[in-house]
Amino acid sequence: MSDATQKKPLPFVANFAAGAIAGISEILTFYPLDVVKTRMQLETGRSKMGVLGSFQTIIKEEGFGRLYRGLVPPLLMEAPKRATKFAANDFWGKQFLALTGEKKMTQPLAIATGCAAGATESFVVVPFELVKIKLQDKSSTFAGPMDVVRKVVKADGLLGLYAGMEATMWRHFWWNGGYFGCIFQVRALLPKPESNKARLMNDLVAGTIGGLVGTAINTPFDVVKSRIQGASKVPGVVPKYNWTYPALVTIFREEGPAALYKGFVPKVLRLAPGGGVLLLVVEFTLGVFRQALGPPYI
């Protein structure tokens, strides 16, 4: 029996910790790009403002600290999000393997598993995303995360924290499917790594390409989600952006196809390298756990 088949899978807590550390590292590194992305997506009409211009405007008019406004919700979200992601990936992966009778993961199964896990993950993500969007909005007057929660619950009840649920589900569905399906294929195409350094480089390349593909697929859904969560409800008035696919049509018709990709550049600048950083930090941290636990995990 080879060493690869003898290696024992790491316990869930190790995978969870690795994912959480990677996620927090990615957020702290790339968060200002997320603020710029949200601002661009919330702006209606045919805007000409680019990424650099958005950065300059925010810093000049609101101060450098505004680039980190809304940072707390995604940091708080990371632990439950990662726990759900890993549990959902494991659950759906086993379900699809059992349904198809396959012995190991294939690219179609990786895509299906990613999509299903993304949809599951969205149930945890929505309230945190809502609070983040409300704080990132240029016109935001909320004092902080808890102020957003109090006012949303007071106005719309607990379900108000789940505004944009459907759009968030589609965003995660398509991003996860594109990301996991892509890294599965890219890893298969890359030369087999002969060292730990080469394996980490393969992970960085696969994660970066996966992040780019996932972002290209899901950006229109992210635009709709930002519009739905950023809007203020007016009693007796039907929201302009409500359900995802009709909202996509509305934005396309009123603002042109380019509007569906508002915020794409900062999103790619964050999620393409961010996807690589995620995979790199996860694999590095798992390697540390394997060394610490020793055989049979190495």
Foldseek 3Di string as FASTA:
>chain_A
DDLVVLADDDDPVLLLVLLLVLQVVLCVVQQLLVLLLLQQLQDAAQDPDDSVNSQVCCCVPPNPCLSCWLVVLSNVLSNVLSSLLVVQLVVQLVVVCVVVVPPDDDLVSQLVSQLRSLLRSLVSCQLSVLLSLLRSHPPRPAPGSVSVVVVQCVVPNPCSSNFLSQLSSQLRNQLRSQLRSQLRVQLVVDPDDPDPVSVLVSLLQSQLVSQLRSLVGRQLSVSLSSNRSNDDDDPPDDDPRHHRPVVSVVSCVRHNPVSSCGSSVSSSVSRNSSRSSSRSSSVVSLVVVCVVVDPPND
